[in-house]
N, C-alpha and C. Protein backbone atom coordinates (compact mmCIF):
# COMPACT_ATOMS: atom_id res chain seq x y z
N MET A 1 158.25 -254.95 -156.53
CA MET A 1 159.35 -254.03 -157.58
C MET A 1 160.55 -255.09 -158.01
N ASN A 2 160.59 -255.81 -158.95
CA ASN A 2 161.56 -256.60 -159.21
C ASN A 2 163.41 -255.27 -159.60
N ARG A 3 164.51 -255.73 -158.97
CA ARG A 3 165.49 -255.37 -159.20
C ARG A 3 166.23 -255.19 -160.55
N THR A 4 166.52 -254.51 -161.05
CA THR A 4 167.56 -254.61 -162.27
C THR A 4 168.75 -255.07 -161.49
N ALA A 5 169.43 -255.88 -162.57
CA ALA A 5 170.86 -255.96 -162.76
C ALA A 5 171.51 -255.07 -162.45
N GLU A 6 171.69 -253.68 -162.59
CA GLU A 6 172.31 -253.11 -162.35
C GLU A 6 171.85 -252.12 -161.00
N GLN A 7 170.99 -252.42 -160.24
CA GLN A 7 170.58 -252.05 -159.25
C GLN A 7 171.15 -252.91 -158.62
N ASP A 8 171.42 -253.94 -158.49
CA ASP A 8 172.38 -255.09 -157.72
C ASP A 8 173.24 -254.67 -157.47
N LEU A 9 174.21 -254.04 -159.01
CA LEU A 9 175.37 -253.57 -158.82
C LEU A 9 176.05 -252.64 -158.40
N GLU A 10 174.56 -251.22 -158.29
CA GLU A 10 175.32 -250.20 -157.80
C GLU A 10 174.30 -250.47 -156.24
N LYS A 11 173.95 -251.48 -155.89
CA LYS A 11 173.37 -251.77 -154.08
C LYS A 11 174.92 -252.02 -153.50
N ARG A 12 175.96 -253.41 -154.28
CA ARG A 12 177.04 -253.65 -153.97
C ARG A 12 178.28 -253.03 -154.36
N LEU A 13 177.94 -252.31 -155.06
CA LEU A 13 179.55 -250.95 -154.99
C LEU A 13 178.91 -249.94 -153.63
N LYS A 14 177.55 -250.18 -153.48
CA LYS A 14 177.34 -249.05 -152.05
C LYS A 14 178.48 -249.66 -150.94
N ASN A 15 178.55 -250.74 -151.07
CA ASN A 15 178.86 -251.98 -149.77
C ASN A 15 180.19 -252.35 -150.05
N ARG A 16 180.85 -251.44 -150.58
CA ARG A 16 181.98 -251.50 -151.44
C ARG A 16 182.58 -253.15 -151.37
N ASP A 17 181.95 -254.03 -152.20
CA ASP A 17 182.08 -255.02 -152.76
C ASP A 17 183.14 -255.03 -153.49
N GLN A 18 184.01 -255.64 -152.64
CA GLN A 18 185.24 -255.69 -154.21
C GLN A 18 184.98 -256.14 -155.30
N THR A 19 184.11 -257.42 -155.31
CA THR A 19 183.94 -258.29 -156.50
C THR A 19 182.85 -257.38 -157.11
N ALA A 20 181.74 -256.70 -156.92
CA ALA A 20 181.37 -255.71 -157.68
C ALA A 20 182.51 -255.16 -158.56
N MET A 21 183.16 -254.16 -157.77
CA MET A 21 184.09 -252.93 -158.12
C MET A 21 184.69 -253.68 -159.75
N LYS A 22 185.03 -254.94 -159.64
CA LYS A 22 185.83 -255.31 -160.61
C LYS A 22 184.90 -256.40 -162.18
N GLU A 23 183.54 -256.05 -161.40
CA GLU A 23 182.35 -256.54 -162.44
C GLU A 23 182.14 -255.41 -163.20
N LEU A 24 182.22 -254.15 -161.88
CA LEU A 24 181.56 -252.46 -163.24
C LEU A 24 182.84 -252.13 -163.80
N TYR A 25 184.26 -252.53 -163.66
CA TYR A 25 185.44 -252.56 -164.55
C TYR A 25 185.41 -253.20 -166.03
N GLY A 26 184.62 -254.50 -165.38
CA GLY A 26 184.75 -255.62 -166.44
C GLY A 26 183.76 -255.27 -167.02
N LEU A 27 182.69 -254.48 -166.91
CA LEU A 27 181.24 -254.03 -167.78
C LEU A 27 182.29 -253.05 -168.84
N TYR A 28 182.10 -252.16 -167.75
CA TYR A 28 182.30 -250.62 -168.61
C TYR A 28 184.02 -250.53 -168.88
N SER A 29 184.94 -250.98 -168.48
CA SER A 29 185.96 -249.92 -169.15
C SER A 29 186.15 -249.68 -170.69
N GLY A 30 186.45 -250.71 -171.60
CA GLY A 30 186.26 -250.65 -172.86
C GLY A 30 185.33 -249.75 -173.10
N TYR A 31 184.09 -249.59 -172.67
CA TYR A 31 182.95 -248.47 -173.23
C TYR A 31 183.93 -247.05 -173.18
N LEU A 32 184.13 -247.04 -171.52
CA LEU A 32 185.05 -245.80 -171.35
C LEU A 32 185.99 -245.16 -171.74
N TYR A 33 186.44 -246.22 -172.14
CA TYR A 33 188.17 -246.04 -172.10
C TYR A 33 188.16 -245.18 -173.97
N THR A 34 186.59 -246.09 -175.17
CA THR A 34 186.51 -245.34 -176.04
C THR A 34 185.98 -243.91 -175.90
N LEU A 35 184.91 -243.77 -174.84
CA LEU A 35 184.53 -242.34 -174.50
C LEU A 35 185.69 -241.72 -174.48
N CYS A 36 187.00 -241.99 -173.46
CA CYS A 36 187.61 -241.23 -173.65
C CYS A 36 188.76 -241.20 -174.34
N CYS A 37 188.58 -241.68 -175.47
CA CYS A 37 190.09 -241.22 -176.31
C CYS A 37 188.93 -240.59 -177.38
N ARG A 38 187.52 -240.27 -177.06
CA ARG A 38 186.86 -239.14 -178.04
C ARG A 38 187.64 -237.93 -178.42
N TYR A 39 188.48 -237.86 -176.95
CA TYR A 39 188.96 -236.32 -176.20
C TYR A 39 190.26 -236.56 -176.54
N ILE A 40 190.56 -237.87 -175.82
CA ILE A 40 192.27 -237.48 -175.24
C ILE A 40 192.91 -238.65 -176.61
N THR A 41 193.65 -238.00 -177.59
CA THR A 41 194.10 -239.05 -178.20
C THR A 41 195.59 -239.88 -177.81
N ASP A 42 196.57 -238.84 -177.10
CA ASP A 42 197.20 -240.36 -176.46
C ASP A 42 196.80 -241.04 -175.50
N LYS A 43 197.10 -242.05 -175.92
CA LYS A 43 196.52 -243.15 -175.71
C LYS A 43 197.21 -243.75 -173.75
N ASP A 44 198.58 -243.21 -173.23
CA ASP A 44 199.13 -243.36 -172.34
C ASP A 44 197.30 -242.29 -171.38
N THR A 45 198.06 -241.23 -171.69
CA THR A 45 196.74 -239.96 -170.23
C THR A 45 195.34 -240.75 -171.11
N ALA A 46 195.13 -241.01 -172.10
CA ALA A 46 193.48 -241.77 -171.88
C ALA A 46 193.17 -242.59 -170.66
N LYS A 47 194.41 -243.42 -170.39
CA LYS A 47 194.67 -245.11 -169.99
C LYS A 47 194.43 -244.48 -168.63
N ASP A 48 195.50 -243.42 -168.04
CA ASP A 48 195.77 -242.50 -166.30
C ASP A 48 194.41 -241.48 -166.31
N ILE A 49 193.75 -241.14 -167.10
CA ILE A 49 192.39 -240.52 -167.31
C ILE A 49 191.21 -241.89 -166.58
N LEU A 50 191.25 -242.62 -167.71
CA LEU A 50 190.27 -243.63 -167.18
C LEU A 50 190.57 -243.92 -165.62
N GLN A 51 191.40 -244.56 -165.54
CA GLN A 51 192.32 -245.23 -163.93
C GLN A 51 191.25 -243.85 -163.11
N ASP A 52 192.02 -242.59 -163.09
CA ASP A 52 190.75 -241.73 -162.49
C ASP A 52 190.02 -241.21 -162.31
N SER A 53 189.23 -241.76 -163.40
CA SER A 53 188.48 -241.46 -163.60
C SER A 53 186.95 -242.68 -162.57
N PHE A 54 188.02 -244.08 -162.87
CA PHE A 54 187.21 -245.08 -161.90
C PHE A 54 187.22 -244.59 -160.29
N LEU A 55 188.42 -244.12 -160.09
CA LEU A 55 188.68 -244.09 -158.70
C LEU A 55 187.60 -242.69 -158.09
N LYS A 56 187.64 -241.51 -158.77
CA LYS A 56 186.63 -241.12 -158.89
C LYS A 56 185.10 -241.54 -158.82
N ILE A 57 184.67 -242.56 -159.64
CA ILE A 57 183.13 -243.10 -159.79
C ILE A 57 183.35 -244.47 -158.48
N PHE A 58 184.40 -244.94 -157.81
CA PHE A 58 183.89 -245.62 -156.55
C PHE A 58 184.15 -244.79 -155.74
N SER A 59 184.80 -243.67 -155.56
CA SER A 59 184.72 -243.33 -154.30
C SER A 59 182.96 -241.90 -154.54
N ALA A 60 182.72 -242.37 -155.20
CA ALA A 60 181.29 -241.23 -155.58
C ALA A 60 179.97 -242.28 -155.51
N ILE A 61 180.37 -243.47 -155.43
CA ILE A 61 179.48 -244.16 -155.48
C ILE A 61 177.29 -243.54 -155.17
N ASN A 62 178.01 -243.40 -153.64
CA ASN A 62 177.21 -243.33 -152.84
C ASN A 62 176.00 -241.78 -153.39
N ARG A 63 177.01 -241.19 -154.10
CA ARG A 63 175.79 -240.16 -153.99
C ARG A 63 175.59 -240.15 -155.82
N PHE A 64 176.08 -241.58 -156.13
CA PHE A 64 174.59 -242.04 -157.87
C PHE A 64 173.07 -242.13 -157.36
N ARG A 65 172.55 -241.99 -158.34
CA ARG A 65 170.80 -241.98 -157.51
C ARG A 65 170.69 -242.89 -159.22
N TYR A 66 170.05 -243.88 -159.13
CA TYR A 66 169.14 -244.66 -159.39
C TYR A 66 168.62 -243.94 -160.50
N ARG A 67 167.95 -243.70 -161.67
CA ARG A 67 166.90 -243.17 -162.35
C ARG A 67 166.69 -244.00 -163.73
N GLY A 68 166.56 -245.11 -163.63
CA GLY A 68 166.22 -246.30 -165.12
C GLY A 68 167.79 -246.78 -165.14
N GLU A 69 166.71 -247.88 -166.13
CA GLU A 69 168.24 -248.63 -166.37
C GLU A 69 168.56 -247.78 -168.23
N GLY A 70 170.55 -247.67 -167.62
CA GLY A 70 171.45 -247.18 -168.34
C GLY A 70 172.09 -245.87 -167.43
N SER A 71 170.61 -245.96 -166.25
CA SER A 71 171.45 -244.70 -165.34
C SER A 71 172.92 -244.75 -164.93
N LEU A 72 173.63 -245.79 -164.70
CA LEU A 72 174.86 -246.28 -164.01
C LEU A 72 175.89 -245.52 -165.27
N LYS A 73 175.56 -245.94 -165.98
CA LYS A 73 176.53 -246.17 -167.96
C LYS A 73 176.58 -244.35 -168.10
N ALA A 74 175.56 -244.05 -167.46
CA ALA A 74 175.13 -242.43 -168.34
C ALA A 74 176.25 -241.67 -166.84
N TRP A 75 175.78 -242.64 -166.30
CA TRP A 75 176.47 -241.17 -164.75
C TRP A 75 178.18 -241.79 -165.08
N MET A 76 178.32 -242.73 -165.06
CA MET A 76 180.02 -242.84 -165.02
C MET A 76 180.39 -242.08 -166.51
N SER A 77 179.90 -242.00 -167.88
CA SER A 77 180.07 -241.53 -168.59
C SER A 77 179.67 -239.71 -168.64
N ARG A 78 179.53 -239.32 -167.45
CA ARG A 78 180.10 -238.11 -167.84
C ARG A 78 180.66 -237.30 -166.61
N ILE A 79 181.21 -238.94 -165.44
CA ILE A 79 182.52 -238.08 -165.17
C ILE A 79 183.59 -238.63 -166.33
N VAL A 80 183.95 -240.23 -167.04
CA VAL A 80 184.60 -240.10 -167.93
C VAL A 80 185.11 -239.05 -168.84
N VAL A 81 184.59 -238.41 -168.90
CA VAL A 81 184.43 -237.10 -170.00
C VAL A 81 184.78 -235.78 -169.51
N ASN A 82 184.15 -235.63 -168.31
CA ASN A 82 184.59 -234.04 -167.40
C ASN A 82 185.74 -234.73 -166.88
N GLU A 83 186.48 -235.04 -166.71
CA GLU A 83 187.78 -235.82 -166.09
C GLU A 83 188.62 -235.73 -167.56
N ALA A 84 188.34 -236.11 -168.74
CA ALA A 84 189.07 -235.98 -170.37
C ALA A 84 189.04 -234.39 -170.28
N LEU A 85 188.15 -233.53 -169.81
CA LEU A 85 187.83 -232.06 -170.69
C LEU A 85 188.91 -231.55 -169.08
N LYS A 86 188.97 -231.75 -167.95
CA LYS A 86 189.40 -231.39 -167.06
C LYS A 86 191.02 -231.14 -167.62
N SER A 87 191.62 -232.22 -168.05
CA SER A 87 192.88 -232.55 -168.55
C SER A 87 192.87 -231.62 -169.54
N LEU A 88 192.33 -231.72 -170.81
CA LEU A 88 192.39 -230.87 -171.33
C LEU A 88 192.86 -229.29 -171.38
N ARG A 89 191.79 -229.12 -170.39
CA ARG A 89 192.45 -227.71 -169.57
C ARG A 89 193.39 -227.37 -168.96
N THR A 90 193.83 -227.95 -168.49
CA THR A 90 194.89 -228.11 -167.68
C THR A 90 196.55 -228.39 -168.26
N SER A 91 196.54 -228.88 -169.83
CA SER A 91 197.56 -229.49 -170.33
C SER A 91 197.72 -228.09 -171.44
N ALA A 92 199.00 -228.65 -170.66
CA ALA A 92 199.77 -226.62 -171.59
C ALA A 92 199.48 -226.92 -173.38
N ARG A 93 199.80 -228.44 -173.85
CA ARG A 93 199.69 -228.38 -175.17
C ARG A 93 198.23 -228.04 -175.46
N ASN A 94 197.30 -227.72 -175.04
CA ASN A 94 195.80 -227.74 -175.41
C ASN A 94 195.31 -226.53 -175.19
N THR A 95 195.38 -226.39 -176.50
CA THR A 95 194.64 -224.69 -176.99
C THR A 95 193.29 -224.84 -178.32
N ILE A 96 192.32 -223.86 -177.22
CA ILE A 96 190.99 -224.22 -177.79
C ILE A 96 190.14 -223.65 -179.35
N MET A 97 191.51 -222.80 -178.76
CA MET A 97 191.38 -222.20 -180.66
C MET A 97 192.37 -221.52 -181.52
N ILE A 98 191.70 -222.47 -182.94
CA ILE A 98 192.70 -223.34 -183.08
C ILE A 98 193.39 -222.11 -184.44
N SER A 99 194.01 -221.63 -184.72
CA SER A 99 194.53 -220.68 -186.03
C SER A 99 193.14 -221.59 -187.39
N SER A 100 193.29 -220.65 -188.13
CA SER A 100 192.16 -221.43 -188.98
C SER A 100 193.26 -221.09 -190.55
N ALA A 101 194.42 -221.73 -190.49
CA ALA A 101 195.24 -221.66 -191.52
C ALA A 101 195.34 -223.33 -192.20
N ASP A 102 195.26 -223.48 -193.47
CA ASP A 102 195.70 -224.73 -194.11
C ASP A 102 193.76 -225.10 -194.03
N LEU A 103 193.02 -224.22 -193.29
CA LEU A 103 191.64 -224.95 -193.26
C LEU A 103 190.68 -224.60 -194.26
N PRO A 104 190.02 -225.49 -194.64
CA PRO A 104 189.78 -225.63 -196.30
C PRO A 104 188.35 -224.83 -196.57
N ASP A 105 187.96 -223.72 -197.55
CA ASP A 105 186.97 -222.81 -197.55
C ASP A 105 185.61 -223.47 -197.93
N ILE A 106 184.91 -223.94 -197.01
CA ILE A 106 183.73 -225.29 -197.68
C ILE A 106 182.64 -224.24 -197.39
N PRO A 107 181.54 -224.07 -197.93
CA PRO A 107 180.49 -223.91 -197.29
C PRO A 107 179.81 -224.74 -196.51
N ASP A 108 179.09 -224.41 -195.26
CA ASP A 108 177.88 -225.21 -194.67
C ASP A 108 177.33 -225.95 -195.69
N ASP A 109 176.37 -225.55 -196.63
CA ASP A 109 175.78 -226.52 -196.71
C ASP A 109 176.87 -227.81 -198.00
N GLU A 110 177.75 -227.04 -198.14
CA GLU A 110 178.25 -228.11 -198.68
C GLU A 110 178.85 -228.95 -198.14
N ALA A 111 179.47 -228.82 -197.09
CA ALA A 111 180.79 -229.35 -195.86
C ALA A 111 179.22 -230.61 -194.79
N ASP A 112 177.66 -230.10 -194.65
CA ASP A 112 176.79 -230.75 -194.53
C ASP A 112 176.50 -232.06 -195.33
N ARG A 113 176.92 -231.73 -196.64
CA ARG A 113 176.90 -232.48 -198.19
C ARG A 113 177.99 -233.50 -197.88
N ASP A 114 178.73 -232.65 -198.12
CA ASP A 114 179.83 -233.88 -197.61
C ASP A 114 180.42 -234.74 -196.66
N LEU A 115 179.98 -234.56 -195.27
CA LEU A 115 179.68 -235.41 -194.40
C LEU A 115 178.64 -236.59 -194.00
N ASP A 116 178.42 -236.63 -195.48
CA ASP A 116 177.77 -238.58 -195.39
C ASP A 116 178.47 -239.40 -194.61
N VAL A 117 178.25 -240.15 -194.05
CA VAL A 117 179.23 -241.04 -193.92
C VAL A 117 178.51 -242.59 -194.06
N ASP A 118 177.89 -242.79 -194.81
CA ASP A 118 177.30 -243.68 -195.45
C ASP A 118 178.23 -244.76 -196.45
N GLY A 119 178.97 -245.30 -195.87
CA GLY A 119 179.85 -246.29 -196.65
C GLY A 119 181.16 -246.75 -195.99
N ILE A 120 181.39 -245.75 -195.35
CA ILE A 120 182.59 -245.76 -194.81
C ILE A 120 182.69 -246.28 -193.30
N PRO A 121 183.73 -247.14 -193.11
CA PRO A 121 184.01 -247.92 -191.81
C PRO A 121 183.61 -246.98 -190.86
N ALA A 122 183.43 -247.24 -189.80
CA ALA A 122 183.57 -246.24 -188.46
C ALA A 122 184.50 -245.98 -187.94
N SER A 123 185.63 -247.14 -187.94
CA SER A 123 186.88 -247.38 -187.81
C SER A 123 188.11 -245.76 -188.09
N VAL A 124 186.95 -245.73 -189.83
CA VAL A 124 187.86 -244.73 -190.67
C VAL A 124 187.44 -243.08 -190.24
N ILE A 125 186.06 -243.19 -189.93
CA ILE A 125 185.27 -241.92 -189.08
C ILE A 125 186.49 -241.79 -187.59
N GLN A 126 186.43 -242.67 -187.21
CA GLN A 126 186.86 -242.37 -185.30
C GLN A 126 188.30 -242.46 -185.64
N ASP A 127 189.28 -242.66 -187.00
CA ASP A 127 190.56 -241.86 -187.18
C ASP A 127 190.56 -240.59 -187.38
N MET A 128 189.72 -239.92 -188.29
CA MET A 128 189.45 -238.44 -188.69
C MET A 128 188.71 -238.07 -187.81
N ILE A 129 188.18 -238.39 -186.34
CA ILE A 129 187.40 -237.59 -185.86
C ILE A 129 188.72 -236.88 -184.95
N ARG A 130 189.50 -238.39 -184.30
CA ARG A 130 190.42 -238.11 -183.69
C ARG A 130 191.50 -237.02 -184.04
N ARG A 131 192.37 -237.45 -185.02
CA ARG A 131 193.16 -236.32 -186.21
C ARG A 131 192.93 -234.72 -186.17
N LEU A 132 191.51 -234.74 -185.82
CA LEU A 132 190.78 -232.61 -185.57
C LEU A 132 192.36 -232.35 -184.42
N PRO A 133 191.73 -231.37 -184.51
CA PRO A 133 192.87 -230.66 -183.62
C PRO A 133 192.13 -230.50 -182.34
N ASP A 134 193.03 -230.15 -181.53
CA ASP A 134 192.07 -230.58 -179.99
C ASP A 134 191.19 -229.91 -180.02
N GLY A 135 191.26 -228.37 -180.11
CA GLY A 135 190.38 -227.46 -180.07
C GLY A 135 188.61 -227.78 -180.57
N TYR A 136 188.54 -227.86 -181.88
CA TYR A 136 187.86 -228.13 -182.68
C TYR A 136 187.28 -229.62 -182.45
N ARG A 137 188.27 -231.18 -182.33
CA ARG A 137 187.99 -232.02 -181.47
C ARG A 137 186.70 -231.91 -180.42
N THR A 138 187.39 -231.33 -179.57
CA THR A 138 186.88 -231.35 -178.53
C THR A 138 184.91 -230.38 -178.57
N VAL A 139 185.64 -229.71 -179.02
CA VAL A 139 184.25 -228.72 -179.03
C VAL A 139 182.97 -229.86 -180.88
N PHE A 140 183.53 -230.53 -181.41
CA PHE A 140 182.68 -231.74 -182.42
C PHE A 140 181.77 -232.73 -181.88
N ASN A 141 182.98 -232.98 -180.71
CA ASN A 141 182.11 -234.43 -179.64
C ASN A 141 181.63 -233.84 -178.59
N LEU A 142 181.72 -232.68 -178.22
CA LEU A 142 180.49 -232.16 -176.93
C LEU A 142 179.23 -231.83 -178.05
N PHE A 143 179.13 -231.38 -178.54
CA PHE A 143 178.38 -230.39 -180.19
C PHE A 143 177.58 -231.98 -180.30
N VAL A 144 178.29 -233.03 -180.70
CA VAL A 144 177.63 -234.07 -181.46
C VAL A 144 177.12 -236.11 -180.75
N PHE A 145 178.29 -235.87 -179.93
CA PHE A 145 178.14 -237.32 -179.10
C PHE A 145 177.50 -236.50 -177.38
N GLU A 146 177.78 -235.33 -177.28
CA GLU A 146 177.44 -235.76 -175.94
C GLU A 146 175.32 -234.87 -175.56
N ASP A 147 175.28 -233.79 -177.41
CA ASP A 147 174.18 -233.19 -177.65
C ASP A 147 174.01 -231.80 -175.99
N MET A 148 175.88 -231.00 -176.50
CA MET A 148 175.87 -230.19 -175.59
C MET A 148 175.27 -228.82 -177.07
N SER A 149 174.89 -228.05 -175.92
CA SER A 149 174.63 -226.76 -177.02
C SER A 149 175.91 -226.13 -176.68
N HIS A 150 176.27 -224.74 -178.07
CA HIS A 150 177.14 -223.65 -178.18
C HIS A 150 177.08 -223.36 -176.85
N LYS A 151 176.34 -222.99 -176.26
CA LYS A 151 176.18 -222.36 -175.10
C LYS A 151 176.89 -222.81 -174.03
N GLU A 152 176.39 -224.45 -173.40
CA GLU A 152 176.62 -224.82 -173.08
C GLU A 152 178.33 -225.67 -172.89
N ILE A 153 178.47 -225.61 -173.76
CA ILE A 153 179.94 -226.07 -174.39
C ILE A 153 180.76 -225.00 -174.24
N ALA A 154 180.22 -223.59 -174.05
CA ALA A 154 181.02 -222.31 -173.99
C ALA A 154 181.50 -222.42 -172.08
N ARG A 155 180.47 -222.29 -171.38
CA ARG A 155 180.38 -222.58 -170.23
C ARG A 155 181.68 -223.58 -169.84
N THR A 156 181.72 -225.45 -170.06
CA THR A 156 182.28 -225.72 -169.52
C THR A 156 183.17 -225.22 -170.54
N LEU A 157 183.76 -225.21 -171.49
CA LEU A 157 185.31 -225.06 -171.88
C LEU A 157 185.81 -223.40 -171.59
N GLY A 158 185.27 -222.71 -171.22
CA GLY A 158 185.53 -221.52 -170.24
C GLY A 158 186.12 -220.70 -171.95
N ILE A 159 184.87 -220.37 -173.20
CA ILE A 159 184.94 -219.88 -174.15
C ILE A 159 183.66 -219.03 -174.80
N LYS A 160 183.99 -218.38 -175.48
CA LYS A 160 182.62 -217.41 -175.86
C LYS A 160 181.37 -218.50 -177.09
N GLU A 161 180.56 -218.87 -176.93
CA GLU A 161 179.84 -219.11 -177.53
C GLU A 161 179.67 -219.22 -178.99
N ASN A 162 180.42 -217.59 -179.88
CA ASN A 162 180.50 -217.97 -180.53
C ASN A 162 182.02 -218.80 -181.34
N SER A 163 182.68 -218.81 -180.52
CA SER A 163 183.75 -219.29 -180.77
C SER A 163 183.78 -221.21 -180.79
N SER A 164 182.71 -221.52 -179.62
CA SER A 164 182.07 -222.78 -180.00
C SER A 164 181.75 -223.19 -181.62
N ALA A 165 180.89 -222.60 -182.34
CA ALA A 165 180.08 -222.43 -182.81
C ALA A 165 181.08 -222.32 -184.69
N SER A 166 181.74 -220.91 -184.10
CA SER A 166 183.38 -221.48 -185.34
C SER A 166 183.77 -222.49 -184.80
N GLN A 167 184.53 -223.20 -183.92
CA GLN A 167 185.31 -224.48 -184.10
C GLN A 167 184.33 -225.61 -184.55
N TYR A 168 183.01 -225.60 -184.45
CA TYR A 168 182.43 -226.98 -184.77
C TYR A 168 182.06 -226.93 -186.04
N HIS A 169 181.71 -225.90 -186.87
CA HIS A 169 181.83 -225.37 -187.71
C HIS A 169 182.85 -225.87 -189.05
N ARG A 170 184.91 -225.14 -188.16
CA ARG A 170 186.06 -225.37 -188.82
C ARG A 170 186.31 -227.70 -188.67
N ALA A 171 185.63 -227.52 -187.58
CA ALA A 171 185.72 -229.14 -187.53
C ALA A 171 184.95 -230.22 -189.29
N LYS A 172 183.71 -229.67 -188.83
CA LYS A 172 182.72 -230.37 -189.93
C LYS A 172 183.65 -229.60 -191.23
N ALA A 173 184.25 -228.86 -191.91
CA ALA A 173 184.84 -228.54 -192.90
C ALA A 173 185.22 -229.21 -193.12
N LEU A 174 186.54 -229.84 -192.43
CA LEU A 174 188.15 -230.35 -192.23
C LEU A 174 187.93 -231.89 -192.34
N LEU A 175 186.45 -232.46 -191.23
CA LEU A 175 185.69 -233.32 -191.74
C LEU A 175 185.67 -233.98 -193.47
N ALA A 176 184.71 -232.87 -193.84
CA ALA A 176 184.19 -232.66 -195.06
C ALA A 176 185.14 -233.34 -196.35
N LYS A 177 186.41 -232.19 -195.77
CA LYS A 177 187.75 -232.40 -196.75
C LYS A 177 187.57 -234.02 -196.91
N TRP A 178 188.50 -234.35 -195.64
CA TRP A 178 189.08 -235.73 -195.52
C TRP A 178 188.14 -237.14 -195.78
N LEU A 179 186.73 -236.26 -195.90
CA LEU A 179 185.67 -237.81 -196.16
C LEU A 179 186.30 -237.96 -197.80
N LYS A 180 185.81 -236.50 -198.42
CA LYS A 180 186.18 -236.00 -199.76
C LYS A 180 186.94 -236.54 -200.33
N ASP A 181 188.42 -236.61 -199.52
CA ASP A 181 190.01 -236.98 -199.86
C ASP A 181 189.72 -238.82 -199.94
N TYR A 182 189.24 -239.19 -198.81
CA TYR A 182 189.25 -240.57 -198.56
C TYR A 182 188.31 -240.96 -199.64
N ARG A 183 187.13 -240.67 -200.06
CA ARG A 183 186.48 -241.29 -201.30
C ARG A 183 186.95 -240.87 -202.56
N ASN A 184 187.62 -240.22 -202.63
CA ASN A 184 188.31 -240.06 -204.01
C ASN A 184 189.40 -241.28 -204.17
N GLU A 185 189.96 -241.42 -202.72
CA GLU A 185 191.18 -242.27 -202.91
C GLU A 185 190.24 -243.65 -202.99
N GLN A 186 189.14 -244.25 -202.78
CA GLN A 186 188.68 -245.48 -202.96
C GLN A 186 188.01 -245.24 -204.23
N ASN A 187 188.08 -244.46 -204.84
CA ASN A 187 187.87 -244.64 -205.96
C ASN A 187 188.91 -244.74 -207.31
N ASP A 188 189.74 -243.92 -206.88
CA ASP A 188 191.30 -244.52 -207.80
C ASP A 188 191.14 -246.14 -208.27
């Protein structure tokens, strides 16, 4: 059986090889920081969470089990998302339930149609997602990027399942409004 580069890195990490730790950080810190920024908008807080996540990764590496190419990245991603969510739950400024004031009244089918992102730069879309209120952004990211069900999101965040669905639909409506505004600005 041929060992993959990921398996070799895992073995070196489990042997507490400092070079392997630096290599892992160099390979994945950018990706994991970007992942963290999906949930945490403050850059300094995101950096702190990334650092805490790497400490957790290095201390828990012996519990990691290789399950095929990409499993190390997936395992680390889960740790970063969990650390970001833990930060949001303990943050005094975070409120999962957001007031619906200033929320556009857009029917679901119209919001779905208006969420067409063809031709819009990824950086613009990412900025729009980052501008969402914390609760909306958190639920939207978990549903869209982490592929969690509303039941799983509710359990993870300690909210009701229908609150998760409501937050997701409100996030979609707000994004649809911003996408429409962006398109209108580009056409002017």
